[in-house]
């Protein structure tokens, strides 16, 4: 990211955010972070701004000093009562602060969204293909508020020197993931309890956190990424996934 003097990361102490910060620092990019946690281990070596998107505390134009790229990775995945405050109100506050920065030099905003913006299939287990042109039909508080956040970012594109890219991954996995579903899958296969969900040619929509970080960086660096939405997934058949898990745990 040679053209970016500082990369600002929100959600830097989260599952994806901390991997992104580590990658940015590893490649020598100066990093600024917005975090609610002072002296968090994953923000060491970064310029730290203590603030809270949900309340607006600490959110000001000073966040964007020397920033050429924003990675908006902050999200609330546990408490539905906080989701609108973080995803919608918080994004609005952040965009307002960005519009008031001293320098209106070009700045690129990479929005970490969710494939949940397209909603579930109309009928459970129905076959469908979702791409970036599919209509948005979020269902659930998390999905609806994340999609509303995306719309705010799109509306801000082109104003005050801001360009944007949206990255929508499927279920993100990795060693430190908070989601327990894959661990439960491994445990079931190890015990011989696993049964295939739906048809045997069903697709498992997982993507590794390292690939998500690579996708975020590609959105920041590729000249054709501006103004685009991207779905990111490492689709594979459930049969292939379970076969690999069974071989790994010795149950094949």
C-alpha atoms as a PDB file:
ATOM      1  CA  UNK A   1       0.000   0.000   0.000  1.00  0.00           C
ATOM      2  CA  UNK A   2       2.720   2.392  -1.031  1.00  0.00           C
ATOM      3  CA  UNK A   3       0.310   5.172  -1.970  1.00  0.00           C
ATOM      4  CA  UNK A   4      -1.255   5.276   1.515  1.00  0.00           C
ATOM      5  CA  UNK A   5       0.546   7.182   4.284  1.00  0.00           C
ATOM      6  CA  UNK A   6      -1.671   5.843   7.094  1.00  0.00           C
ATOM      7  CA  UNK A   7      -4.324   3.120   7.095  1.00  0.00           C
ATOM      8  CA  UNK A   8      -7.145   3.633   9.614  1.00  0.00           C
ATOM      9  CA  UNK A   9      -8.747   0.430  10.912  1.00  0.00           C
ATOM     10  CA  UNK A  10     -11.964   0.308  12.913  1.00  0.00           C
ATOM     11  CA  UNK A  11     -12.723  -2.893  14.795  1.00  0.00           C
ATOM     12  CA  UNK A  12      -8.987  -3.450  15.141  1.00  0.00           C
ATOM     13  CA  UNK A  13      -9.341  -5.689  18.193  1.00  0.00           C
ATOM     14  CA  UNK A  14     -11.879  -7.974  16.502  1.00  0.00           C
ATOM     15  CA  UNK A  15     -11.319 -11.319  14.796  1.00  0.00           C
ATOM     16  CA  UNK A  16     -10.792  -9.904  11.301  1.00  0.00           C
ATOM     17  CA  UNK A  17      -9.525  -6.465  12.323  1.00  0.00           C
ATOM     18  CA  UNK A  18      -6.585  -7.740  14.342  1.00  0.00           C
ATOM     19  CA  UNK A  19      -5.459  -9.988  11.469  1.00  0.00           C
ATOM     20  CA  UNK A  20      -5.672  -6.997   9.136  1.00  0.00           C
ATOM     21  CA  UNK A  21      -3.633  -4.797  11.488  1.00  0.00           C
ATOM     22  CA  UNK A  22      -0.955  -7.486  11.759  1.00  0.00           C
ATOM     23  CA  UNK A  23      -0.761  -7.824   7.968  1.00  0.00           C
ATOM     24  CA  UNK A  24      -0.580  -4.054   7.437  1.00  0.00           C
ATOM     25  CA  UNK A  25       2.153  -3.648  10.038  1.00  0.00           C
ATOM     26  CA  UNK A  26       4.021  -6.631   8.608  1.00  0.00           C
ATOM     27  CA  UNK A  27       4.215  -4.940   5.228  1.00  0.00           C
ATOM     28  CA  UNK A  28       5.356  -1.660   6.747  1.00  0.00           C
ATOM     29  CA  UNK A  29       2.144   0.363   6.456  1.00  0.00           C
ATOM     30  CA  UNK A  30       1.625   2.932   9.243  1.00  0.00           C
ATOM     31  CA  UNK A  31      -1.608   2.041  11.037  1.00  0.00           C
ATOM     32  CA  UNK A  32      -4.094   4.070  13.056  1.00  0.00           C
ATOM     33  CA  UNK A  33      -6.857   2.280  14.960  1.00  0.00           C
ATOM     34  CA  UNK A  34     -10.166   3.236  16.504  1.00  0.00           C
ATOM     35  CA  UNK A  35     -10.800   1.086  19.556  1.00  0.00           C
ATOM     36  CA  UNK A  36     -12.741   1.123  22.799  1.00  0.00           C
ATOM     37  CA  UNK A  37      -9.963  -0.793  24.562  1.00  0.00           C
ATOM     38  CA  UNK A  38      -6.916   1.171  25.724  1.00  0.00           C
ATOM     39  CA  UNK A  39      -3.560  -0.592  25.305  1.00  0.00           C
ATOM     40  CA  UNK A  40      -5.122  -3.616  23.637  1.00  0.00           C
ATOM     41  CA  UNK A  41      -2.430  -6.136  22.705  1.00  0.00           C
ATOM     42  CA  UNK A  42      -3.519  -6.193  19.053  1.00  0.00           C
ATOM     43  CA  UNK A  43      -3.110  -2.431  18.620  1.00  0.00           C
ATOM     44  CA  UNK A  44       0.520  -2.163  19.735  1.00  0.00           C
ATOM     45  CA  UNK A  45       2.662  -0.208  17.336  1.00  0.00           C
ATOM     46  CA  UNK A  46      -0.364   1.624  15.936  1.00  0.00           C
ATOM     47  CA  UNK A  47      -1.565   5.180  16.423  1.00  0.00           C
ATOM     48  CA  UNK A  48      -4.434   4.578  18.828  1.00  0.00           C
ATOM     49  CA  UNK A  49      -7.644   6.609  18.988  1.00  0.00           C
ATOM     50  CA  UNK A  50      -9.910   5.612  21.857  1.00  0.00           C
ATOM     51  CA  UNK A  51     -13.542   6.014  20.866  1.00  0.00           C
ATOM     52  CA  UNK A  52     -16.929   4.366  20.622  1.00  0.00           C
ATOM     53  CA  UNK A  53     -18.960   4.329  17.423  1.00  0.00           C
ATOM     54  CA  UNK A  54     -22.149   3.523  19.315  1.00  0.00           C
ATOM     55  CA  UNK A  55     -22.030   6.639  21.497  1.00  0.00           C
ATOM     56  CA  UNK A  56     -19.881   8.963  19.383  1.00  0.00           C
ATOM     57  CA  UNK A  57     -17.314   9.327  22.164  1.00  0.00           C
ATOM     58  CA  UNK A  58     -13.907  10.126  20.666  1.00  0.00           C
ATOM     59  CA  UNK A  59     -15.161  10.306  17.075  1.00  0.00           C
ATOM     60  CA  UNK A  60     -13.736  13.404  15.390  1.00  0.00           C
ATOM     61  CA  UNK A  61     -11.986  14.531  12.230  1.00  0.00           C
ATOM     62  CA  UNK A  62      -8.620  14.048  13.973  1.00  0.00           C
ATOM     63  CA  UNK A  63      -9.055  10.309  13.325  1.00  0.00           C
ATOM     64  CA  UNK A  64      -8.307  10.937   9.664  1.00  0.00           C
ATOM     65  CA  UNK A  65      -5.040  12.840   9.993  1.00  0.00           C
ATOM     66  CA  UNK A  66      -2.703  11.631   7.203  1.00  0.00           C
ATOM     67  CA  UNK A  67      -5.119   8.762   6.430  1.00  0.00           C
ATOM     68  CA  UNK A  68      -5.292   7.594   2.829  1.00  0.00           C
ATOM     69  CA  UNK A  69      -7.385   4.465   3.372  1.00  0.00           C
ATOM     70  CA  UNK A  70     -10.069   3.483   5.887  1.00  0.00           C
ATOM     71  CA  UNK A  71     -10.833  -0.155   6.638  1.00  0.00           C
ATOM     72  CA  UNK A  72     -14.223  -0.083   8.364  1.00  0.00           C
ATOM     73  CA  UNK A  73     -14.257  -3.485  10.071  1.00  0.00           C
ATOM     74  CA  UNK A  74     -16.115  -2.593  13.276  1.00  0.00           C
ATOM     75  CA  UNK A  75     -19.192  -4.668  13.950  1.00  0.00           C
ATOM     76  CA  UNK A  76     -21.432  -5.963  16.709  1.00  0.00           C
ATOM     77  CA  UNK A  77     -22.113  -9.682  16.349  1.00  0.00           C
ATOM     78  CA  UNK A  78     -23.389 -10.563  19.839  1.00  0.00           C
ATOM     79  CA  UNK A  79     -25.903  -8.026  21.153  1.00  0.00           C
ATOM     80  CA  UNK A  80     -28.760  -7.147  18.760  1.00  0.00           C
ATOM     81  CA  UNK A  81     -29.619  -4.132  20.945  1.00  0.00           C
ATOM     82  CA  UNK A  82     -26.307  -2.508  19.974  1.00  0.00           C
ATOM     83  CA  UNK A  83     -26.267  -3.371  16.285  1.00  0.00           C
ATOM     84  CA  UNK A  84     -28.064  -0.301  14.952  1.00  0.00           C
ATOM     85  CA  UNK A  85     -26.026   2.015  17.165  1.00  0.00           C
ATOM     86  CA  UNK A  86     -22.736   0.494  15.971  1.00  0.00           C
ATOM     87  CA  UNK A  87     -23.472  -0.319  12.340  1.00  0.00           C
ATOM     88  CA  UNK A  88     -25.774   2.509  11.264  1.00  0.00           C
ATOM     89  CA  UNK A  89     -25.349   5.393  13.710  1.00  0.00           C
ATOM     90  CA  UNK A  90     -21.640   4.654  14.128  1.00  0.00           C
ATOM     91  CA  UNK A  91     -20.994   4.588  10.397  1.00  0.00           C
ATOM     92  CA  UNK A  92     -22.883   7.863   9.993  1.00  0.00           C
ATOM     93  CA  UNK A  93     -20.739   9.453  12.720  1.00  0.00           C
ATOM     94  CA  UNK A  94     -17.555   8.185  11.130  1.00  0.00           C
ATOM     95  CA  UNK A  95     -18.510   9.467   7.690  1.00  0.00           C
ATOM     96  CA  UNK A  96     -19.439  12.846   9.147  1.00  0.00           C
ATOM     97  CA  UNK A  97     -16.060  13.056  10.873  1.00  0.00           C
ATOM     98  CA  UNK A  98     -14.308  12.096   7.617  1.00  0.00           C
ATOM     99  CA  UNK A  99     -16.079  14.893   5.762  1.00  0.00           C
ATOM    100  CA  UNK A 100     -14.694  17.412   8.255  1.00  0.00           C
ATOM    101  CA  UNK A 101     -11.034  16.438   7.957  1.00  0.00           C
ATOM    102  CA  UNK A 102      -8.578  19.254   7.289  1.00  0.00           C
ATOM    103  CA  UNK A 103      -7.217  17.796   4.063  1.00  0.00           C
ATOM    104  CA  UNK A 104      -9.682  16.697   1.416  1.00  0.00           C
ATOM    105  CA  UNK A 105      -7.046  14.703  -0.455  1.00  0.00           C
ATOM    106  CA  UNK A 106      -8.425  11.496  -2.022  1.00  0.00           C
ATOM    107  CA  UNK A 107      -9.223   8.820   0.564  1.00  0.00           C
ATOM    108  CA  UNK A 108     -10.435   5.286  -0.107  1.00  0.00           C
ATOM    109  CA  UNK A 109     -12.941   3.584   2.197  1.00  0.00           C
ATOM    110  CA  UNK A 110     -13.023  -0.223   2.304  1.00  0.00           C
ATOM    111  CA  UNK A 111     -16.249  -1.413   3.910  1.00  0.00           C
ATOM    112  CA  UNK A 112     -16.262  -4.881   5.475  1.00  0.00           C
ATOM    113  CA  UNK A 113     -19.837  -5.981   4.911  1.00  0.00           C
ATOM    114  CA  UNK A 114     -21.568  -9.365   4.889  1.00  0.00           C
ATOM    115  CA  UNK A 115     -23.037 -11.671   2.271  1.00  0.00           C
ATOM    116  CA  UNK A 116     -26.064 -11.671   4.569  1.00  0.00           C
ATOM    117  CA  UNK A 117     -27.084  -8.477   2.737  1.00  0.00           C
ATOM    118  CA  UNK A 118     -28.608 -10.741   0.061  1.00  0.00           C
ATOM    119  CA  UNK A 119     -30.730 -12.620   2.573  1.00  0.00           C
ATOM    120  CA  UNK A 120     -31.542 -16.328   2.839  1.00  0.00           C
ATOM    121  CA  UNK A 121     -33.061 -18.322  -0.021  1.00  0.00           C
ATOM    122  CA  UNK A 122     -36.841 -17.895  -0.335  1.00  0.00           C
ATOM    123  CA  UNK A 123     -37.240 -21.567   0.518  1.00  0.00           C
ATOM    124  CA  UNK A 124     -34.826 -23.287   2.952  1.00  0.00           C
ATOM    125  CA  UNK A 125     -32.310 -25.493   1.114  1.00  0.00           C
ATOM    126  CA  UNK A 126     -33.426 -24.029  -2.229  1.00  0.00           C
ATOM    127  CA  UNK A 127     -30.692 -23.858  -4.855  1.00  0.00           C
ATOM    128  CA  UNK A 128     -29.648 -20.388  -5.980  1.00  0.00           C
ATOM    129  CA  UNK A 129     -26.607 -18.458  -7.158  1.00  0.00           C
ATOM    130  CA  UNK A 130     -25.877 -15.110  -5.518  1.00  0.00           C
ATOM    131  CA  UNK A 131     -23.578 -12.590  -7.172  1.00  0.00           C
ATOM    132  CA  UNK A 132     -22.815  -8.906  -6.784  1.00  0.00           C
ATOM    133  CA  UNK A 133     -25.811  -7.979  -8.957  1.00  0.00           C
ATOM    134  CA  UNK A 134     -28.301  -9.884  -6.795  1.00  0.00           C
ATOM    135  CA  UNK A 135     -30.912  -7.720  -5.035  1.00  0.00           C
ATOM    136  CA  UNK A 136     -30.359  -6.940  -1.389  1.00  0.00           C
ATOM    137  CA  UNK A 137     -32.899  -8.641   0.869  1.00  0.00           C
ATOM    138  CA  UNK A 138     -31.375  -8.773   4.370  1.00  0.00           C
ATOM    139  CA  UNK A 139     -33.263 -10.582   7.103  1.00  0.00           C
ATOM    140  CA  UNK A 140     -32.341 -10.238  10.756  1.00  0.00           C
ATOM    141  CA  UNK A 141     -31.059  -7.323  12.808  1.00  0.00           C
ATOM    142  CA  UNK A 142     -27.380  -7.922  12.039  1.00  0.00           C
ATOM    143  CA  UNK A 143     -27.908  -8.288   8.300  1.00  0.00           C
ATOM    144  CA  UNK A 144     -30.330  -5.359   8.053  1.00  0.00           C
ATOM    145  CA  UNK A 145     -28.130  -2.938   9.979  1.00  0.00           C
ATOM    146  CA  UNK A 146     -24.959  -3.949   8.139  1.00  0.00           C
ATOM    147  CA  UNK A 147     -26.740  -3.401   4.816  1.00  0.00           C
ATOM    148  CA  UNK A 148     -27.991   0.000   6.007  1.00  0.00           C
ATOM    149  CA  UNK A 149     -24.377   0.872   6.868  1.00  0.00           C
ATOM    150  CA  UNK A 150     -23.328  -0.089   3.332  1.00  0.00           C
ATOM    151  CA  UNK A 151     -25.948   2.234   1.875  1.00  0.00           C
ATOM    152  CA  UNK A 152     -24.629   5.158   3.919  1.00  0.00           C
ATOM    153  CA  UNK A 153     -21.130   4.494   2.600  1.00  0.00           C
ATOM    154  CA  UNK A 154     -22.359   4.283  -0.989  1.00  0.00           C
ATOM    155  CA  UNK A 155     -24.189   7.606  -0.564  1.00  0.00           C
ATOM    156  CA  UNK A 156     -20.973   9.234   0.666  1.00  0.00           C
ATOM    157  CA  UNK A 157     -18.923   8.007  -2.279  1.00  0.00           C
ATOM    158  CA  UNK A 158     -17.681  10.834  -4.465  1.00  0.00           C
ATOM    159  CA  UNK A 159     -18.061  13.471  -1.751  1.00  0.00           C
ATOM    160  CA  UNK A 160     -15.127  15.125   0.026  1.00  0.00           C
ATOM    161  CA  UNK A 161     -12.595  13.118  -1.995  1.00  0.00           C
ATOM    162  CA  UNK A 162     -13.986   9.752  -0.868  1.00  0.00           C
ATOM    163  CA  UNK A 163     -14.015   6.586  -2.986  1.00  0.00           C
ATOM    164  CA  UNK A 164     -15.343   3.267  -1.696  1.00  0.00           C
ATOM    165  CA  UNK A 165     -15.226  -0.509  -2.089  1.00  0.00           C
ATOM    166  CA  UNK A 166     -17.465  -3.071  -0.345  1.00  0.00           C
ATOM    167  CA  UNK A 167     -16.297  -6.577   0.574  1.00  0.00           C
ATOM    168  CA  UNK A 168     -18.965  -9.117   1.481  1.00  0.00           C
ATOM    169  CA  UNK A 169     -17.498 -12.386   2.780  1.00  0.00           C
ATOM    170  CA  UNK A 170     -19.420 -15.516   3.639  1.00  0.00           C
ATOM    171  CA  UNK A 171     -18.862 -17.255   7.008  1.00  0.00           C
ATOM    172  CA  UNK A 172     -15.315 -16.355   8.087  1.00  0.00           C
ATOM    173  CA  UNK A 173     -13.232 -19.011   9.799  1.00  0.00           C
ATOM    174  CA  UNK A 174      -9.802 -19.111  11.417  1.00  0.00           C
ATOM    175  CA  UNK A 175      -7.953 -20.267  14.511  1.00  0.00           C
ATOM    176  CA  UNK A 176      -9.261 -17.452  16.726  1.00  0.00           C
ATOM    177  CA  UNK A 177     -12.798 -17.243  15.291  1.00  0.00           C
ATOM    178  CA  UNK A 178     -15.626 -16.529  17.740  1.00  0.00           C
ATOM    179  CA  UNK A 179     -18.041 -18.643  15.661  1.00  0.00           C
ATOM    180  CA  UNK A 180     -18.195 -22.159  17.125  1.00  0.00           C
ATOM    181  CA  UNK A 181     -19.955 -23.831  14.180  1.00  0.00           C
ATOM    182  CA  UNK A 182     -16.827 -25.240  12.537  1.00  0.00           C
ATOM    183  CA  UNK A 183     -15.495 -26.547  15.858  1.00  0.00           C
ATOM    184  CA  UNK A 184     -18.849 -28.254  16.388  1.00  0.00           C
ATOM    185  CA  UNK A 185     -18.572 -29.761  12.884  1.00  0.00           C
ATOM    186  CA  UNK A 186     -15.121 -31.152  13.674  1.00  0.00           C
ATOM    187  CA  UNK A 187     -16.361 -32.589  16.965  1.00  0.00           C
ATOM    188  CA  UNK A 188     -19.305 -34.319  15.259  1.00  0.00           C
ATOM    189  CA  UNK A 189     -17.133 -35.822  12.533  1.00  0.00           C
ATOM    190  CA  UNK A 190     -14.647 -37.042  15.146  1.00  0.00           C
ATOM    191  CA  UNK A 191     -17.477 -38.819  16.989  1.00  0.00           C
ATOM    192  CA  UNK A 192     -19.044 -40.144  13.803  1.00  0.00           C
ATOM    193  CA  UNK A 193     -22.261 -38.188  14.390  1.00  0.00           C
ATOM    194  CA  UNK A 194     -22.221 -36.054  11.239  1.00  0.00           C
ATOM    195  CA  UNK A 195     -25.087 -36.149   8.742  1.00  0.00           C
ATOM    196  CA  UNK A 196     -25.020 -34.116   5.516  1.00  0.00           C
ATOM    197  CA  UNK A 197     -27.368 -31.109   5.543  1.00  0.00           C
ATOM    198  CA  UNK A 198     -29.528 -31.250   2.431  1.00  0.00           C
ATOM    199  CA  UNK A 199     -28.360 -32.798  -0.870  1.00  0.00           C
ATOM    200  CA  UNK A 200     -24.882 -34.327  -1.066  1.00  0.00           C
ATOM    201  CA  UNK A 201     -23.838 -31.742  -3.666  1.00  0.00           C
ATOM    202  CA  UNK A 202     -24.640 -28.849  -1.314  1.00  0.00           C
ATOM    203  CA  UNK A 203     -21.984 -26.141  -1.064  1.00  0.00           C
ATOM    204  CA  UNK A 204     -20.297 -25.031   2.172  1.00  0.00           C
ATOM    205  CA  UNK A 205     -19.800 -21.262   2.125  1.00  0.00           C
ATOM    206  CA  UNK A 206     -16.774 -20.648   4.320  1.00  0.00           C
ATOM    207  CA  UNK A 207     -13.796 -18.367   3.773  1.00  0.00           C
ATOM    208  CA  UNK A 208     -10.578 -18.150   5.795  1.00  0.00           C
ATOM    209  CA  UNK A 209      -9.730 -14.947   7.638  1.00  0.00           C
ATOM    210  CA  UNK A 210      -6.385 -14.715   5.800  1.00  0.00           C
ATOM    211  CA  UNK A 211      -8.268 -14.633   2.484  1.00  0.00           C
ATOM    212  CA  UNK A 212     -10.597 -11.940   3.823  1.00  0.00           C
ATOM    213  CA  UNK A 213      -7.594  -9.808   4.803  1.00  0.00           C
ATOM    214  CA  UNK A 214      -6.131 -10.327   1.325  1.00  0.00           C
ATOM    215  CA  UNK A 215      -9.468  -9.258  -0.132  1.00  0.00           C
ATOM    216  CA  UNK A 216      -9.558  -6.104   1.987  1.00  0.00           C
ATOM    217  CA  UNK A 217      -6.048  -5.186   0.864  1.00  0.00           C
ATOM    218  CA  UNK A 218      -6.944  -5.863  -2.777  1.00  0.00           C
ATOM    219  CA  UNK A 219      -9.919  -3.503  -2.409  1.00  0.00           C
ATOM    220  CA  UNK A 220      -7.519  -0.849  -1.145  1.00  0.00           C
ATOM    221  CA  UNK A 221      -4.836  -1.358  -3.760  1.00  0.00           C
ATOM    222  CA  UNK A 222      -6.372  -2.456  -7.038  1.00  0.00           C
ATOM    223  CA  UNK A 223      -7.136   0.493  -9.328  1.00  0.00           C
ATOM    224  CA  UNK A 224     -10.371  -1.120 -10.544  1.00  0.00           C
ATOM    225  CA  UNK A 225     -11.759  -1.840  -7.070  1.00  0.00           C
ATOM    226  CA  UNK A 226     -13.145   1.651  -6.455  1.00  0.00           C
ATOM    227  CA  UNK A 227     -16.917   1.817  -6.621  1.00  0.00           C
ATOM    228  CA  UNK A 228     -17.301  -1.967  -6.649  1.00  0.00           C
ATOM    229  CA  UNK A 229     -18.940  -4.588  -4.434  1.00  0.00           C
ATOM    230  CA  UNK A 230     -17.224  -7.953  -4.014  1.00  0.00           C
ATOM    231  CA  UNK A 231     -18.504 -11.250  -2.625  1.00  0.00           C
ATOM    232  CA  UNK A 232     -15.735 -13.402  -1.158  1.00  0.00           C
ATOM    233  CA  UNK A 233     -16.142 -17.127  -0.532  1.00  0.00           C
ATOM    234  CA  UNK A 234     -14.121 -20.331  -0.782  1.00  0.00           C
ATOM    235  CA  UNK A 235     -17.003 -22.509  -1.928  1.00  0.00           C
ATOM    236  CA  UNK A 236     -16.513 -26.257  -1.790  1.00  0.00           C
ATOM    237  CA  UNK A 237     -18.836 -29.231  -1.639  1.00  0.00           C
ATOM    238  CA  UNK A 238     -19.874 -30.363   1.817  1.00  0.00           C
ATOM    239  CA  UNK A 239     -18.726 -33.860   0.875  1.00  0.00           C
ATOM    240  CA  UNK A 240     -15.205 -32.569   0.156  1.00  0.00           C
ATOM    241  CA  UNK A 241     -15.104 -30.496   3.345  1.00  0.00           C
ATOM    242  CA  UNK A 242     -16.250 -33.358   5.562  1.00  0.00           C
ATOM    243  CA  UNK A 243     -13.847 -35.767   3.858  1.00  0.00           C
ATOM    244  CA  UNK A 244     -10.925 -33.422   4.619  1.00  0.00           C
ATOM    245  CA  UNK A 245     -12.069 -32.994   8.227  1.00  0.00           C
ATOM    246  CA  UNK A 246     -12.451 -36.756   8.654  1.00  0.00           C
ATOM    247  CA  UNK A 247      -8.959 -37.363   7.293  1.00  0.00           C
ATOM    248  CA  UNK A 248      -7.552 -34.675   9.595  1.00  0.00           C
ATOM    249  CA  UNK A 249      -9.166 -36.102  12.754  1.00  0.00           C
ATOM    250  CA  UNK A 250      -8.469 -39.695  11.736  1.00  0.00           C
ATOM    251  CA  UNK A 251     -12.091 -40.707  11.172  1.00  0.00           C
ATOM    252  CA  UNK A 252     -11.924 -41.276   7.419  1.00  0.00           C
END
